[in-house]
């Protein structure tokens, strides 16, 4: 008896600050989406951005709204550390 092959869903993950979105961000997000079936984007929290970069222009909610409206991003998760391990474990 032949069993249909189960399709494996490939999930890709990227991390961005995305304060001032530019072409480089877009390409990273597109490549991540093209590399899998579902692309989850870890968006650095305002606190992480300020500690890492020193400032940010847009709030987390503003940056999240932009990413959620991009066809190459399926889901946005807040990332509370430069290290994505916690989100990857989810």
PDB file of N, CA and C in Angstrom:
ATOM      1  N   UNK A   1       0.844  -1.177   0.000  1.00  0.00           N
ATOM      2  CA  UNK A   1       0.000   0.000   0.000  1.00  0.00           C
ATOM      3  C   UNK A   1       0.893   1.245   0.000  1.00  0.00           C
ATOM      4  N   UNK A   2       0.608   2.168  -0.869  1.00  0.00           N
ATOM      5  CA  UNK A   2       1.370   3.418  -0.951  1.00  0.00           C
ATOM      6  C   UNK A   2       0.791   4.447   0.008  1.00  0.00           C
ATOM      7  N   UNK A   3       1.674   5.045   0.760  1.00  0.00           N
ATOM      8  CA  UNK A   3       1.271   6.117   1.658  1.00  0.00           C
ATOM      9  C   UNK A   3       1.701   7.441   1.052  1.00  0.00           C
ATOM     10  N   UNK A   4       0.791   8.413   1.023  1.00  0.00           N
ATOM     11  CA  UNK A   4       1.205   9.721   0.498  1.00  0.00           C
ATOM     12  C   UNK A   4       2.292  10.310   1.395  1.00  0.00           C
ATOM     13  N   UNK A   5       3.239  10.930   0.779  1.00  0.00           N
ATOM     14  CA  UNK A   5       4.303  11.569   1.554  1.00  0.00           C
ATOM     15  C   UNK A   5       3.723  12.753   2.318  1.00  0.00           C
ATOM     16  N   UNK A   6       4.102  12.817   3.579  1.00  0.00           N
ATOM     17  CA  UNK A   6       3.668  13.954   4.379  1.00  0.00           C
ATOM     18  C   UNK A   6       4.523  15.154   4.025  1.00  0.00           C
ATOM     19  N   UNK A   7       3.872  16.255   3.851  1.00  0.00           N
ATOM     20  CA  UNK A   7       4.597  17.484   3.538  1.00  0.00           C
ATOM     21  C   UNK A   7       5.141  18.085   4.833  1.00  0.00           C
ATOM     22  N   UNK A   8       6.402  18.376   4.831  1.00  0.00           N
ATOM     23  CA  UNK A   8       7.037  19.025   5.969  1.00  0.00           C
ATOM     24  C   UNK A   8       6.944  20.531   5.773  1.00  0.00           C
ATOM     25  N   UNK A   9       6.481  21.211   6.796  1.00  0.00           N
ATOM     26  CA  UNK A   9       6.414  22.669   6.745  1.00  0.00           C
ATOM     27  C   UNK A   9       7.748  23.218   7.221  1.00  0.00           C
ATOM     28  N   UNK A  10       8.360  24.013   6.368  1.00  0.00           N
ATOM     29  CA  UNK A  10       9.636  24.646   6.733  1.00  0.00           C
ATOM     30  C   UNK A  10       9.360  26.059   7.231  1.00  0.00           C
ATOM     31  N   UNK A  11       9.851  26.325   8.434  1.00  0.00           N
ATOM     32  CA  UNK A  11       9.668  27.641   9.055  1.00  0.00           C
ATOM     33  C   UNK A  11      11.008  28.358   9.044  1.00  0.00           C
ATOM     34  N   UNK A  12      11.007  29.587   8.566  1.00  0.00           N
ATOM     35  CA  UNK A  12      12.208  30.420   8.608  1.00  0.00           C
ATOM     36  C   UNK A  12      11.999  31.518   9.645  1.00  0.00           C
ATOM     37  N   UNK A  13      13.108  31.988  10.199  1.00  0.00           N
ATOM     38  CA  UNK A  13      13.053  33.007  11.241  1.00  0.00           C
ATOM     39  C   UNK A  13      14.109  34.059  10.948  1.00  0.00           C
ATOM     40  N   UNK A  14      13.713  35.305  11.045  1.00  0.00           N
ATOM     41  CA  UNK A  14      14.668  36.402  10.903  1.00  0.00           C
ATOM     42  C   UNK A  14      14.481  37.355  12.080  1.00  0.00           C
ATOM     43  N   UNK A  15      15.499  38.137  12.348  1.00  0.00           N
ATOM     44  CA  UNK A  15      15.447  39.142  13.408  1.00  0.00           C
ATOM     45  C   UNK A  15      15.736  40.503  12.796  1.00  0.00           C
ATOM     46  N   UNK A  16      14.915  41.483  13.126  1.00  0.00           N
ATOM     47  CA  UNK A  16      15.150  42.841  12.633  1.00  0.00           C
ATOM     48  C   UNK A  16      14.794  43.865  13.704  1.00  0.00           C
ATOM     49  N   UNK A  17      15.387  45.036  13.549  1.00  0.00           N
ATOM     50  CA  UNK A  17      14.992  46.209  14.312  1.00  0.00           C
ATOM     51  C   UNK A  17      13.928  46.944  13.496  1.00  0.00           C
ATOM     52  N   UNK A  18      14.189  47.066  12.198  1.00  0.00           N
ATOM     53  CA  UNK A  18      13.256  47.637  11.215  1.00  0.00           C
ATOM     54  C   UNK A  18      12.735  49.012  11.605  1.00  0.00           C
ATOM     55  N   UNK A  19      13.593  49.836  12.175  1.00  0.00           N
ATOM     56  CA  UNK A  19      13.157  51.174  12.561  1.00  0.00           C
ATOM     57  C   UNK A  19      12.945  52.037  11.322  1.00  0.00           C
ATOM     58  N   UNK A  20      13.935  52.104  10.495  1.00  0.00           N
ATOM     59  CA  UNK A  20      13.796  52.769   9.202  1.00  0.00           C
ATOM     60  C   UNK A  20      14.028  51.688   8.158  1.00  0.00           C
ATOM     61  N   UNK A  21      12.946  51.135   7.670  1.00  0.00           N
ATOM     62  CA  UNK A  21      13.005  50.020   6.733  1.00  0.00           C
ATOM     63  C   UNK A  21      13.662  50.468   5.427  1.00  0.00           C
ATOM     64  N   UNK A  22      14.626  49.681   4.961  1.00  0.00           N
ATOM     65  CA  UNK A  22      15.300  50.012   3.703  1.00  0.00           C
ATOM     66  C   UNK A  22      15.400  48.767   2.836  1.00  0.00           C
ATOM     67  N   UNK A  23      15.954  48.905   1.660  1.00  0.00           N
ATOM     68  CA  UNK A  23      16.018  47.818   0.686  1.00  0.00           C
ATOM     69  C   UNK A  23      16.722  46.581   1.250  1.00  0.00           C
ATOM     70  N   UNK A  24      17.756  46.755   2.034  1.00  0.00           N
ATOM     71  CA  UNK A  24      18.455  45.621   2.631  1.00  0.00           C
ATOM     72  C   UNK A  24      17.539  44.810   3.538  1.00  0.00           C
ATOM     73  N   UNK A  25      16.713  45.505   4.332  1.00  0.00           N
ATOM     74  CA  UNK A  25      15.734  44.800   5.169  1.00  0.00           C
ATOM     75  C   UNK A  25      14.772  44.004   4.290  1.00  0.00           C
ATOM     76  N   UNK A  26      14.267  44.655   3.266  1.00  0.00           N
ATOM     77  CA  UNK A  26      13.312  44.007   2.372  1.00  0.00           C
ATOM     78  C   UNK A  26      13.895  42.737   1.776  1.00  0.00           C
ATOM     79  N   UNK A  27      15.117  42.791   1.313  1.00  0.00           N
ATOM     80  CA  UNK A  27      15.758  41.610   0.708  1.00  0.00           C
ATOM     81  C   UNK A  27      15.930  40.489   1.732  1.00  0.00           C
ATOM     82  N   UNK A  28      16.352  40.818   2.942  1.00  0.00           N
ATOM     83  CA  UNK A  28      16.499  39.799   3.990  1.00  0.00           C
ATOM     84  C   UNK A  28      15.155  39.125   4.255  1.00  0.00           C
ATOM     85  N   UNK A  29      14.102  39.910   4.372  1.00  0.00           N
ATOM     86  CA  UNK A  29      12.776  39.366   4.644  1.00  0.00           C
ATOM     87  C   UNK A  29      12.270  38.529   3.474  1.00  0.00           C
ATOM     88  N   UNK A  30      12.505  38.973   2.256  1.00  0.00           N
ATOM     89  CA  UNK A  30      12.088  38.211   1.075  1.00  0.00           C
ATOM     90  C   UNK A  30      12.845  36.889   0.970  1.00  0.00           C
ATOM     91  N   UNK A  31      14.138  36.914   1.202  1.00  0.00           N
ATOM     92  CA  UNK A  31      14.944  35.692   1.138  1.00  0.00           C
ATOM     93  C   UNK A  31      14.482  34.704   2.205  1.00  0.00           C
ATOM     94  N   UNK A  32      14.190  35.194   3.400  1.00  0.00           N
ATOM     95  CA  UNK A  32      13.695  34.326   4.470  1.00  0.00           C
ATOM     96  C   UNK A  32      12.372  33.677   4.051  1.00  0.00           C
ATOM     97  N   UNK A  33      11.466  34.447   3.473  1.00  0.00           N
ATOM     98  CA  UNK A  33      10.177  33.913   3.032  1.00  0.00           C
ATOM     99  C   UNK A  33      10.364  32.904   1.905  1.00  0.00           C
ATOM    100  N   UNK A  34      11.228  33.216   0.966  1.00  0.00           N
ATOM    101  CA  UNK A  34      11.469  32.320  -0.171  1.00  0.00           C
ATOM    102  C   UNK A  34      12.147  31.015   0.245  1.00  0.00           C
ATOM    103  N   UNK A  35      12.768  30.999   1.410  1.00  0.00           N
ATOM    104  CA  UNK A  35      13.511  29.824   1.872  1.00  0.00           C
ATOM    105  C   UNK A  35      12.647  28.831   2.644  1.00  0.00           C
ATOM    106  N   UNK A  36      11.404  29.170   2.894  1.00  0.00           N
ATOM    107  CA  UNK A  36      10.542  28.273   3.660  1.00  0.00           C
ATOM    108  C   UNK A  36       9.083  28.486   3.320  1.00  0.00           C
ATOM    109  N   UNK A  37       8.239  27.810   4.084  1.00  0.00           N
ATOM    110  CA  UNK A  37       6.793  27.916   3.881  1.00  0.00           C
ATOM    111  C   UNK A  37       6.183  29.012   4.745  1.00  0.00           C
ATOM    112  N   UNK A  38       6.725  29.169   5.937  1.00  0.00           N
ATOM    113  CA  UNK A  38       6.237  30.176   6.878  1.00  0.00           C
ATOM    114  C   UNK A  38       7.437  30.986   7.359  1.00  0.00           C
ATOM    115  N   UNK A  39       7.317  32.293   7.295  1.00  0.00           N
ATOM    116  CA  UNK A  39       8.395  33.174   7.750  1.00  0.00           C
ATOM    117  C   UNK A  39       7.929  33.925   8.995  1.00  0.00           C
ATOM    118  N   UNK A  40       8.625  33.680  10.093  1.00  0.00           N
ATOM    119  CA  UNK A  40       8.369  34.387  11.349  1.00  0.00           C
ATOM    120  C   UNK A  40       9.482  35.412  11.533  1.00  0.00           C
ATOM    121  N   UNK A  41       9.082  36.629  11.822  1.00  0.00           N
ATOM    122  CA  UNK A  41      10.054  37.703  12.006  1.00  0.00           C
ATOM    123  C   UNK A  41      10.095  38.101  13.480  1.00  0.00           C
ATOM    124  N   UNK A  42      11.274  38.004  14.068  1.00  0.00           N
ATOM    125  CA  UNK A  42      11.481  38.458  15.436  1.00  0.00           C
ATOM    126  C   UNK A  42      11.805  39.937  15.413  1.00  0.00           C
ATOM    127  N   UNK A  43      10.905  40.740  15.933  1.00  0.00           N
ATOM    128  CA  UNK A  43      11.073  42.185  15.937  1.00  0.00           C
ATOM    129  C   UNK A  43      11.599  42.608  17.304  1.00  0.00           C
ATOM    130  N   UNK A  44      12.759  43.227  17.310  1.00  0.00           N
ATOM    131  CA  UNK A  44      13.378  43.645  18.558  1.00  0.00           C
ATOM    132  C   UNK A  44      12.485  44.641  19.299  1.00  0.00           C
ATOM    133  N   UNK A  45      12.351  44.435  20.595  1.00  0.00           N
ATOM    134  CA  UNK A  45      11.536  45.329  21.427  1.00  0.00           C
ATOM    135  C   UNK A  45      12.169  46.719  21.474  1.00  0.00           C
ATOM    136  N   UNK A  46      11.385  47.700  21.886  1.00  0.00           N
ATOM    137  CA  UNK A  46      11.913  49.062  22.014  1.00  0.00           C
ATOM    138  C   UNK A  46      13.097  49.102  22.977  1.00  0.00           C
ATOM    139  N   UNK A  47      12.993  48.372  24.080  1.00  0.00           N
ATOM    140  CA  UNK A  47      14.069  48.361  25.074  1.00  0.00           C
ATOM    141  C   UNK A  47      15.366  47.794  24.488  1.00  0.00           C
ATOM    142  N   UNK A  48      15.255  46.701  23.758  1.00  0.00           N
ATOM    143  CA  UNK A  48      16.447  46.104  23.146  1.00  0.00           C
ATOM    144  C   UNK A  48      17.047  47.069  22.126  1.00  0.00           C
ATOM    145  N   UNK A  49      16.204  47.692  21.321  1.00  0.00           N
ATOM    146  CA  UNK A  49      16.696  48.652  20.327  1.00  0.00           C
ATOM    147  C   UNK A  49      17.448  49.794  20.997  1.00  0.00           C
ATOM    148  N   UNK A  50      16.884  50.334  22.055  1.00  0.00           N
ATOM    149  CA  UNK A  50      17.517  51.459  22.736  1.00  0.00           C
ATOM    150  C   UNK A  50      18.823  51.049  23.407  1.00  0.00           C
ATOM    151  N   UNK A  51      18.855  49.851  23.993  1.00  0.00           N
ATOM    152  CA  UNK A  51      20.088  49.376  24.625  1.00  0.00           C
ATOM    153  C   UNK A  51      21.162  49.033  23.603  1.00  0.00           C
ATOM    154  N   UNK A  52      20.750  48.518  22.459  1.00  0.00           N
ATOM    155  CA  UNK A  52      21.693  48.068  21.432  1.00  0.00           C
ATOM    156  C   UNK A  52      22.132  49.219  20.541  1.00  0.00           C
ATOM    157  N   UNK A  53      21.167  50.020  20.070  1.00  0.00           N
ATOM    158  CA  UNK A  53      21.433  51.044  19.073  1.00  0.00           C
ATOM    159  C   UNK A  53      21.529  52.429  19.689  1.00  0.00           C
ATOM    160  N   UNK A  54      20.858  52.636  20.822  1.00  0.00           N
ATOM    161  CA  UNK A  54      20.896  53.924  21.499  1.00  0.00           C
ATOM    162  C   UNK A  54      19.660  54.776  21.281  1.00  0.00           C
ATOM    163  N   UNK A  55      18.878  54.443  20.265  1.00  0.00           N
ATOM    164  CA  UNK A  55      17.666  55.205  19.976  1.00  0.00           C
ATOM    165  C   UNK A  55      16.860  54.467  18.916  1.00  0.00           C
ATOM    166  N   UNK A  56      15.623  54.808  18.794  1.00  0.00           N
ATOM    167  CA  UNK A  56      14.817  54.382  17.660  1.00  0.00           C
ATOM    168  C   UNK A  56      13.747  55.436  17.406  1.00  0.00           C
ATOM    169  N   UNK A  57      13.379  55.569  16.164  1.00  0.00           N
ATOM    170  CA  UNK A  57      12.430  56.604  15.748  1.00  0.00           C
ATOM    171  C   UNK A  57      10.992  56.124  15.921  1.00  0.00           C
ATOM    172  N   UNK A  58      10.724  54.901  15.498  1.00  0.00           N
ATOM    173  CA  UNK A  58       9.366  54.345  15.546  1.00  0.00           C
ATOM    174  C   UNK A  58       9.214  53.433  16.760  1.00  0.00           C
ATOM    175  N   UNK A  59       8.011  53.356  17.289  1.00  0.00           N
ATOM    176  CA  UNK A  59       7.733  52.459  18.409  1.00  0.00           C
ATOM    177  C   UNK A  59       7.620  51.026  17.909  1.00  0.00           C
ATOM    178  N   UNK A  60       7.640  50.097  18.844  1.00  0.00           N
ATOM    179  CA  UNK A  60       7.473  48.685  18.492  1.00  0.00           C
ATOM    180  C   UNK A  60       6.180  48.484  17.711  1.00  0.00           C
ATOM    181  N   UNK A  61       5.086  49.057  18.180  1.00  0.00           N
ATOM    182  CA  UNK A  61       3.784  48.865  17.522  1.00  0.00           C
ATOM    183  C   UNK A  61       3.787  49.418  16.096  1.00  0.00           C
ATOM    184  N   UNK A  62       4.453  50.541  15.878  1.00  0.00           N
ATOM    185  CA  UNK A  62       4.539  51.107  14.523  1.00  0.00           C
ATOM    186  C   UNK A  62       5.357  50.193  13.611  1.00  0.00           C
ATOM    187  N   UNK A  63       6.491  49.721  14.127  1.00  0.00           N
ATOM    188  CA  UNK A  63       7.345  48.829  13.330  1.00  0.00           C
ATOM    189  C   UNK A  63       6.640  47.512  13.058  1.00  0.00           C
ATOM    190  N   UNK A  64       5.913  47.009  14.048  1.00  0.00           N
ATOM    191  CA  UNK A  64       5.167  45.760  13.894  1.00  0.00           C
ATOM    192  C   UNK A  64       4.090  45.899  12.815  1.00  0.00           C
ATOM    193  N   UNK A  65       3.391  47.024  12.803  1.00  0.00           N
ATOM    194  CA  UNK A  65       2.334  47.251  11.812  1.00  0.00           C
ATOM    195  C   UNK A  65       2.886  47.204  10.393  1.00  0.00           C
ATOM    196  N   UNK A  66       4.060  47.779  10.197  1.00  0.00           N
ATOM    197  CA  UNK A  66       4.688  47.750   8.872  1.00  0.00           C
ATOM    198  C   UNK A  66       4.993  46.308   8.473  1.00  0.00           C
ATOM    199  N   UNK A  67       5.630  45.556   9.361  1.00  0.00           N
ATOM    200  CA  UNK A  67       6.008  44.184   9.043  1.00  0.00           C
ATOM    201  C   UNK A  67       4.796  43.292   8.812  1.00  0.00           C
ATOM    202  N   UNK A  68       3.751  43.470   9.600  1.00  0.00           N
ATOM    203  CA  UNK A  68       2.550  42.643   9.456  1.00  0.00           C
ATOM    204  C   UNK A  68       1.856  42.858   8.107  1.00  0.00           C
ATOM    205  N   UNK A  69       2.115  43.970   7.481  1.00  0.00           N
ATOM    206  CA  UNK A  69       1.489  44.271   6.201  1.00  0.00           C
ATOM    207  C   UNK A  69       2.380  43.934   5.006  1.00  0.00           C
ATOM    208  N   UNK A  70       3.466  43.239   5.266  1.00  0.00           N
ATOM    209  CA  UNK A  70       4.362  42.824   4.183  1.00  0.00           C
ATOM    210  C   UNK A  70       4.037  41.381   3.808  1.00  0.00           C
ATOM    211  N   UNK A  71       3.943  41.115   2.518  1.00  0.00           N
ATOM    212  CA  UNK A  71       3.589  39.769   2.061  1.00  0.00           C
ATOM    213  C   UNK A  71       4.671  38.740   2.365  1.00  0.00           C
ATOM    214  N   UNK A  72       5.874  39.169   2.643  1.00  0.00           N
ATOM    215  CA  UNK A  72       6.965  38.227   2.921  1.00  0.00           C
ATOM    216  C   UNK A  72       7.101  37.888   4.405  1.00  0.00           C
ATOM    217  N   UNK A  73       6.204  38.407   5.236  1.00  0.00           N
ATOM    218  CA  UNK A  73       6.226  38.110   6.672  1.00  0.00           C
ATOM    219  C   UNK A  73       4.878  37.499   7.045  1.00  0.00           C
ATOM    220  N   UNK A  74       4.926  36.279   7.603  1.00  0.00           N
ATOM    221  CA  UNK A  74       3.692  35.599   7.990  1.00  0.00           C
ATOM    222  C   UNK A  74       3.296  35.879   9.433  1.00  0.00           C
ATOM    223  N   UNK A  75       4.284  36.088  10.286  1.00  0.00           N
ATOM    224  CA  UNK A  75       4.003  36.335  11.705  1.00  0.00           C
ATOM    225  C   UNK A  75       5.125  37.169  12.303  1.00  0.00           C
ATOM    226  N   UNK A  76       4.764  38.058  13.215  1.00  0.00           N
ATOM    227  CA  UNK A  76       5.749  38.898  13.905  1.00  0.00           C
ATOM    228  C   UNK A  76       5.705  38.555  15.392  1.00  0.00           C
ATOM    229  N   UNK A  77       6.877  38.275  15.956  1.00  0.00           N
ATOM    230  CA  UNK A  77       7.003  38.029  17.392  1.00  0.00           C
ATOM    231  C   UNK A  77       7.912  39.086  17.996  1.00  0.00           C
ATOM    232  N   UNK A  78       7.566  39.568  19.190  1.00  0.00           N
ATOM    233  CA  UNK A  78       8.477  40.468  19.885  1.00  0.00           C
ATOM    234  C   UNK A  78       9.688  39.656  20.331  1.00  0.00           C
ATOM    235  N   UNK A  79      10.852  40.204  20.083  1.00  0.00           N
ATOM    236  CA  UNK A  79      12.092  39.572  20.534  1.00  0.00           C
ATOM    237  C   UNK A  79      12.687  40.456  21.616  1.00  0.00           C
ATOM    238  N   UNK A  80      12.781  39.929  22.825  1.00  0.00           N
ATOM    239  CA  UNK A  80      13.201  40.705  23.994  1.00  0.00           C
ATOM    240  C   UNK A  80      14.690  40.616  24.283  1.00  0.00           C
ATOM    241  N   UNK A  81      15.454  40.134  23.318  1.00  0.00           N
ATOM    242  CA  UNK A  81      16.900  39.999  23.468  1.00  0.00           C
ATOM    243  C   UNK A  81      17.517  39.986  22.077  1.00  0.00           C
ATOM    244  N   UNK A  82      18.781  40.363  21.993  1.00  0.00           N
ATOM    245  CA  UNK A  82      19.493  40.221  20.725  1.00  0.00           C
ATOM    246  C   UNK A  82      19.566  38.747  20.357  1.00  0.00           C
ATOM    247  N   UNK A  83      19.648  37.900  21.348  1.00  0.00           N
ATOM    248  CA  UNK A  83      19.707  36.448  21.164  1.00  0.00           C
ATOM    249  C   UNK A  83      18.298  35.915  20.883  1.00  0.00           C
ATOM    250  N   UNK A  84      18.069  35.273  19.731  1.00  0.00           N
ATOM    251  CA  UNK A  84      16.737  34.811  19.372  1.00  0.00           C
ATOM    252  C   UNK A  84      16.318  33.470  19.993  1.00  0.00           C
ATOM    253  N   UNK A  85      17.152  32.898  20.849  1.00  0.00           N
ATOM    254  CA  UNK A  85      16.920  31.535  21.355  1.00  0.00           C
ATOM    255  C   UNK A  85      15.531  31.357  21.951  1.00  0.00           C
ATOM    256  N   UNK A  86      15.085  32.289  22.776  1.00  0.00           N
ATOM    257  CA  UNK A  86      13.775  32.155  23.422  1.00  0.00           C
ATOM    258  C   UNK A  86      12.656  32.032  22.385  1.00  0.00           C
ATOM    259  N   UNK A  87      12.670  32.887  21.365  1.00  0.00           N
ATOM    260  CA  UNK A  87      11.641  32.821  20.330  1.00  0.00           C
ATOM    261  C   UNK A  87      11.776  31.554  19.489  1.00  0.00           C
ATOM    262  N   UNK A  88      12.989  31.137  19.216  1.00  0.00           N
ATOM    263  CA  UNK A  88      13.186  29.930  18.414  1.00  0.00           C
ATOM    264  C   UNK A  88      12.642  28.701  19.148  1.00  0.00           C
ATOM    265  N   UNK A  89      12.717  28.698  20.457  1.00  0.00           N
ATOM    266  CA  UNK A  89      12.189  27.577  21.222  1.00  0.00           C
ATOM    267  C   UNK A  89      10.672  27.524  21.180  1.00  0.00           C
ATOM    268  N   UNK A  90      10.029  28.668  20.977  1.00  0.00           N
ATOM    269  CA  UNK A  90       8.569  28.690  20.850  1.00  0.00           C
ATOM    270  C   UNK A  90       8.155  27.934  19.604  1.00  0.00           C
TER     271      UNK A  90
END
